[in-house]
Amino acid sequence: MSITSSSARKVRKGATLPATCNPGDIFGKTSGGNEGLYFCVTANTWTGPFSEGDGTGTVTSLSASGGTETTTGSVITTTGTIRGVETVDARTSTTESLLDATRGKLVTFGNAGATAVSIAQAGTAGNFASGWYVDVKVVGAGTVTITPATSTIDGAATLVLTQGKTARIHSDGTNYVTGLQGSLSASGASYLVYTALLTQTGTDAPVATVLENTLGGTVVWARVGAGVYTATLASAFPANKVFMPNLVVAASDVDMIMGLLSRTNDNQLVLSAQAFGSGGVDSVLNTTAVEIRVYP
């Protein structure tokens, strides 16, 4: 039996592409360079070569999210570039959720109170799949507790982060593990630090030239009496976590004046400039260095 229809597909092979072809014809080029399969798209026009599994097509709508973006910020319809990106997702409430769409973001928690954060079970309904990750950072004074449904984090039911702590949370498709945990201290130390030079005159409040501050807020200085000054920042100074070296702030022929830092409560520290035998003394802080360390 022979096929005589002019539209019948021809499947041939050889070293040289035929000069003529009908749409639908296939030719396997076996030698001479550019070997592979060729497809006749229109009369006398070959397209190829293709390898097994190759195909043709045109991208008409390509968007990016979850750790990538287009350089134009809009959908790519013809040509464009995709690049890695990590956007900041600032959270300020005491109840928050990490969603599948949070993938590839840096989530900051900035509430002064304790914050409860929920996250669904890893791998649930195809979400939070293996390879999913999110970075978290505690910038507020409140402790952040991250609790997954069913899954564990580092084998535990929760992940607890205090002010100044960061972590990257990864999904393995069943549970979560953390990596890149650390502190926000600019010095790379394990504690938060406030370092400043204090100057005080007459009955004025001390003026601080801040050299470094990773406490997450502005320390406010005030004068409350002769030689007595307070440093205030809400919830920044938890009990048994604050280290404050005492200072020699001035010396004269008669007196040695000491600067004594002490903790009043979670919100406040007190600096006392005391002269031996004379009590509190003003106007002795002159670019005097003070350092406050807060440990996790």
Protein backbone atom coordinates (compact mmCIF):
# COMPACT_ATOMS: atom_id res chain seq x y z
CA MET A 1 0.00 0.00 0.00
CA SER A 2 1.28 3.48 -0.81
CA ILE A 3 0.35 6.86 0.55
CA THR A 4 -0.17 9.44 -2.15
CA SER A 5 -1.59 12.35 -0.15
CA SER A 6 0.49 15.50 -0.59
CA SER A 7 0.06 16.18 3.12
CA ALA A 8 1.57 12.85 4.23
CA ARG A 9 4.49 13.24 6.66
CA LYS A 10 7.86 12.03 5.43
CA VAL A 11 10.39 10.70 7.93
CA ARG A 12 13.84 10.42 6.45
CA LYS A 13 17.48 10.46 7.50
CA GLY A 14 20.85 11.14 5.95
CA ALA A 15 23.87 13.43 5.91
CA THR A 16 22.29 16.32 3.97
CA LEU A 17 19.03 18.14 4.57
CA PRO A 18 16.73 17.88 1.56
CA ALA A 19 16.18 21.12 -0.31
CA THR A 20 12.43 20.70 -0.25
CA CYS A 21 10.02 19.60 2.44
CA ASN A 22 6.36 19.76 3.33
CA PRO A 23 5.04 20.94 6.75
CA GLY A 24 5.25 18.05 9.17
CA ASP A 25 8.21 16.31 7.52
CA ILE A 26 10.95 15.04 9.85
CA PHE A 27 14.57 14.48 8.89
CA GLY A 28 17.30 12.88 10.96
CA LYS A 29 20.69 14.36 10.08
CA THR A 30 23.25 11.69 10.90
CA SER A 31 26.61 13.24 9.97
CA GLY A 32 28.38 16.29 8.53
CA GLY A 33 27.86 18.51 11.62
CA ASN A 34 24.76 19.83 13.35
CA GLU A 35 23.41 16.33 13.68
CA GLY A 36 19.96 15.82 15.11
CA LEU A 37 16.29 15.92 14.25
CA TYR A 38 14.91 18.62 11.97
CA PHE A 39 11.26 19.57 11.61
CA CYS A 40 9.68 21.17 8.57
CA VAL A 41 7.58 24.07 9.86
CA THR A 42 6.61 25.64 6.56
CA ALA A 43 7.19 24.50 3.01
CA ASN A 44 10.91 24.06 2.26
CA THR A 45 11.96 25.40 5.71
CA TRP A 46 13.67 23.15 8.26
CA THR A 47 13.93 23.97 11.99
CA GLY A 48 16.49 22.26 14.19
CA PRO A 49 18.49 20.43 15.16
CA PHE A 50 16.62 19.10 18.20
CA SER A 51 17.70 16.53 20.72
CA GLU A 52 15.35 14.13 22.42
CA GLY A 53 13.05 16.09 24.70
CA ASP A 54 13.63 19.44 22.99
CA GLY A 55 10.74 21.62 21.99
CA THR A 56 9.88 25.07 20.82
CA GLY A 57 7.82 27.84 22.33
CA THR A 58 7.73 31.46 23.41
CA VAL A 59 7.63 32.88 26.95
CA THR A 60 4.74 35.32 27.09
CA SER A 61 4.40 36.00 30.85
CA LEU A 62 7.11 35.37 33.44
CA SER A 63 6.94 36.81 36.94
CA ALA A 64 9.29 36.31 39.90
CA SER A 65 8.78 36.17 43.66
CA GLY A 66 9.97 34.49 46.85
CA GLY A 67 13.66 35.29 46.65
CA THR A 68 13.82 36.53 43.05
CA GLU A 69 12.65 39.59 41.17
CA THR A 70 12.66 40.94 37.64
CA THR A 71 14.99 43.87 37.16
CA THR A 72 12.12 45.95 35.79
CA GLY A 73 9.83 45.05 38.67
CA SER A 74 7.15 43.86 36.26
CA VAL A 75 6.25 40.67 34.38
CA ILE A 76 8.67 39.68 31.60
CA THR A 77 6.77 39.28 28.32
CA THR A 78 9.64 39.20 25.84
CA THR A 79 13.14 39.48 27.30
CA GLY A 80 14.38 40.44 30.73
CA THR A 81 16.52 39.47 33.69
CA ILE A 82 15.73 37.69 36.95
CA ARG A 83 17.96 38.26 39.98
CA GLY A 84 18.08 37.17 43.60
CA VAL A 85 16.55 39.52 46.18
CA GLU A 86 15.59 39.47 49.87
CA THR A 87 12.86 41.91 50.77
CA VAL A 88 12.15 43.06 54.34
CA ASP A 89 8.79 42.14 55.90
CA ALA A 90 8.47 44.22 59.09
CA ARG A 91 6.08 42.83 61.73
CA THR A 92 5.02 44.78 64.82
CA SER A 93 2.11 42.81 66.35
CA THR A 94 2.31 40.31 69.21
CA THR A 95 0.63 37.58 67.11
CA GLU A 96 2.11 36.81 63.70
CA SER A 97 2.23 34.04 61.09
CA LEU A 98 4.91 32.92 58.65
CA LEU A 99 3.24 31.99 55.36
CA ASP A 100 4.40 29.95 52.38
CA ALA A 101 4.58 33.27 50.50
CA THR A 102 7.05 34.56 53.11
CA ARG A 103 9.69 32.38 51.45
CA GLY A 104 13.00 34.15 50.80
CA LYS A 105 12.14 37.23 52.90
CA LEU A 106 13.73 38.82 55.96
CA VAL A 107 11.00 39.09 58.61
CA THR A 108 11.66 41.48 61.49
CA PHE A 109 9.73 41.47 64.77
CA GLY A 110 9.62 44.84 66.47
CA ASN A 111 7.11 44.67 69.32
CA ALA A 112 8.19 45.51 72.87
CA GLY A 113 6.04 42.66 74.19
CA ALA A 114 6.29 38.90 73.78
CA THR A 115 5.41 37.82 70.23
CA ALA A 116 3.86 34.45 69.28
CA VAL A 117 4.63 33.37 65.70
CA SER A 118 2.92 30.40 64.03
CA ILE A 119 4.05 28.43 61.00
CA ALA A 120 2.25 25.56 59.26
CA GLN A 121 3.53 22.01 59.12
CA ALA A 122 6.44 21.61 56.71
CA GLY A 123 5.33 20.12 53.39
CA THR A 124 1.61 20.65 54.04
CA ALA A 125 -0.38 20.54 50.76
CA GLY A 126 2.81 21.23 48.83
CA ASN A 127 3.57 24.36 50.85
CA PHE A 128 6.70 24.91 52.94
CA ALA A 129 8.32 22.30 50.70
CA SER A 130 11.89 21.09 51.06
CA GLY A 131 14.18 24.04 50.31
CA TRP A 132 11.73 26.68 51.59
CA TYR A 133 13.43 29.18 53.90
CA VAL A 134 12.91 32.48 55.69
CA ASP A 135 15.22 34.76 57.69
CA VAL A 136 13.96 36.21 60.98
CA LYS A 137 15.37 39.02 63.13
CA VAL A 138 14.20 40.31 66.52
CA VAL A 139 14.56 44.09 66.61
CA GLY A 140 12.07 44.79 69.41
CA ALA A 141 12.50 44.19 73.13
CA GLY A 142 9.95 41.36 73.27
CA THR A 143 10.87 37.68 73.14
CA VAL A 144 9.73 35.92 69.95
CA THR A 145 8.46 32.32 70.10
CA ILE A 146 8.04 30.53 66.75
CA THR A 147 5.80 27.44 66.91
CA PRO A 148 5.15 25.15 63.93
CA ALA A 149 2.05 22.97 63.61
CA THR A 150 3.08 19.29 64.05
CA SER A 151 6.62 19.84 62.73
CA THR A 152 9.61 20.55 64.95
CA ILE A 153 12.34 23.19 64.74
CA ASP A 154 15.78 21.74 65.43
CA GLY A 155 13.96 18.81 67.04
CA ALA A 156 12.09 21.07 69.49
CA ALA A 157 8.47 22.21 69.58
CA THR A 158 9.40 25.90 69.46
CA LEU A 159 12.20 28.29 68.56
CA VAL A 160 12.69 31.14 71.07
CA LEU A 161 14.61 34.26 70.03
CA THR A 162 15.37 37.27 72.21
CA GLN A 163 16.15 40.82 71.20
CA GLY A 164 19.13 41.03 68.91
CA LYS A 165 18.91 37.44 67.67
CA THR A 166 18.60 36.26 64.07
CA ALA A 167 18.02 32.87 62.44
CA ARG A 168 17.38 31.33 59.05
CA ILE A 169 14.61 28.70 59.16
CA HIS A 170 14.75 25.92 56.53
CA SER A 171 12.17 23.27 55.65
CA ASP A 172 13.28 19.72 54.80
CA GLY A 173 9.73 18.87 53.72
CA THR A 174 8.83 17.33 57.10
CA ASN A 175 10.40 19.51 59.81
CA TYR A 176 12.33 22.76 60.17
CA VAL A 177 15.99 23.36 60.96
CA THR A 178 17.81 26.61 61.61
CA GLY A 179 21.04 28.01 60.30
CA LEU A 180 22.99 31.27 60.36
CA GLN A 181 21.88 32.09 63.91
CA GLY A 182 23.60 35.09 65.43
CA SER A 183 23.41 38.47 67.12
CA LEU A 184 22.64 41.91 65.75
CA SER A 185 25.69 43.42 67.42
CA ALA A 186 27.62 45.45 64.86
CA SER A 187 30.85 44.32 66.53
CA GLY A 188 29.95 40.67 65.95
CA ALA A 189 29.91 40.00 69.71
CA SER A 190 27.40 37.71 71.41
CA TYR A 191 25.89 40.62 73.36
CA LEU A 192 24.10 43.87 72.54
CA VAL A 193 26.13 46.95 73.34
CA TYR A 194 25.75 50.67 73.95
CA THR A 195 28.98 52.67 73.84
CA ALA A 196 28.98 56.46 74.18
CA LEU A 197 30.96 59.49 75.32
CA LEU A 198 29.07 61.52 77.95
CA THR A 199 29.42 65.22 78.69
CA GLN A 200 27.42 66.95 81.43
CA THR A 201 27.41 70.62 82.50
CA GLY A 202 25.68 72.38 85.41
CA THR A 203 22.18 71.02 85.92
CA ASP A 204 21.75 69.88 82.32
CA ALA A 205 21.14 66.30 81.26
CA PRO A 206 24.19 64.43 79.98
CA VAL A 207 24.79 64.71 76.24
CA ALA A 208 25.79 61.44 74.60
CA THR A 209 28.00 61.02 71.56
CA VAL A 210 26.98 57.49 70.60
CA LEU A 211 29.74 55.32 69.16
CA GLU A 212 27.74 52.11 68.92
CA ASN A 213 24.19 51.15 69.84
CA THR A 214 22.67 47.73 69.07
CA LEU A 215 20.02 47.86 71.83
CA GLY A 216 17.26 48.48 69.31
CA GLY A 217 16.29 51.98 70.48
CA THR A 218 17.55 55.37 71.66
CA VAL A 219 18.88 55.61 75.22
CA VAL A 220 17.55 58.81 76.84
CA TRP A 221 19.75 60.45 79.48
CA ALA A 222 18.36 62.74 82.22
CA ARG A 223 19.66 64.46 85.36
CA VAL A 224 17.69 63.62 88.52
CA GLY A 225 20.01 65.15 91.14
CA ALA A 226 23.54 66.35 91.78
CA GLY A 227 25.79 63.85 90.07
CA VAL A 228 22.91 61.43 89.48
CA TYR A 229 21.81 60.64 85.90
CA THR A 230 19.44 58.07 84.42
CA ALA A 231 19.63 56.13 81.15
CA THR A 232 16.18 55.02 79.97
CA LEU A 233 15.11 52.60 77.20
CA ALA A 234 11.97 50.47 77.53
CA SER A 235 12.63 46.78 78.33
CA ALA A 236 16.29 47.09 77.30
CA PHE A 237 17.90 46.08 80.61
CA PRO A 238 16.58 42.67 81.80
CA ALA A 239 17.62 41.35 85.21
CA ASN A 240 20.90 39.42 85.40
CA LYS A 241 21.72 40.25 81.77
CA VAL A 242 23.40 43.68 82.05
CA PHE A 243 27.13 44.28 82.51
CA MET A 244 28.32 47.84 83.28
CA PRO A 245 31.99 48.54 84.10
CA ASN A 246 32.55 51.26 86.69
CA LEU A 247 34.58 54.26 85.59
CA VAL A 248 37.01 56.80 86.98
CA VAL A 249 35.47 59.94 85.54
CA ALA A 250 37.74 62.63 87.04
CA ALA A 251 40.59 63.17 89.44
CA SER A 252 41.82 66.22 91.32
CA ASP A 253 44.32 67.05 94.04
CA VAL A 254 41.63 66.46 96.64
CA ASP A 255 39.12 63.93 95.39
CA MET A 256 38.87 60.90 93.14
CA ILE A 257 35.48 60.96 91.46
CA MET A 258 33.98 57.63 90.45
CA GLY A 259 31.22 56.93 87.96
CA LEU A 260 29.02 54.09 89.25
CA LEU A 261 26.50 52.46 86.91
CA SER A 262 23.67 50.41 88.42
CA ARG A 263 20.42 48.87 87.20
CA THR A 264 17.10 50.18 88.55
CA ASN A 265 14.70 48.02 86.51
CA ASP A 266 14.21 46.63 82.99
CA ASN A 267 13.77 50.17 81.67
CA GLN A 268 16.41 52.19 83.45
CA LEU A 269 20.03 52.44 84.61
CA VAL A 270 21.54 55.01 86.98
CA LEU A 271 24.94 56.66 86.67
CA SER A 272 26.25 58.35 89.82
CA ALA A 273 29.28 60.66 89.79
CA GLN A 274 30.46 60.46 93.39
CA ALA A 275 33.40 62.26 95.02
CA PHE A 276 34.81 60.52 98.09
CA GLY A 277 33.62 62.44 101.14
CA SER A 278 31.59 64.95 99.11
CA GLY A 279 28.66 63.09 97.53
CA GLY A 280 27.32 63.65 94.04
CA VAL A 281 29.13 66.08 91.77
CA ASP A 282 27.93 67.70 88.53
CA SER A 283 30.01 68.93 85.61
CA VAL A 284 32.61 66.18 85.84
CA LEU A 285 31.57 64.12 82.83
CA ASN A 286 33.69 65.35 79.94
CA THR A 287 33.60 63.00 76.94
CA THR A 288 33.64 60.22 79.53
CA ALA A 289 33.38 56.77 77.99
CA VAL A 290 30.50 54.54 79.11
CA GLU A 291 29.71 51.02 77.93
CA ILE A 292 26.59 48.94 78.61
CA ARG A 293 26.42 45.29 77.56
CA VAL A 294 23.21 43.28 77.47
CA TYR A 295 23.64 39.49 77.20
CA PRO A 296 21.05 37.04 75.80
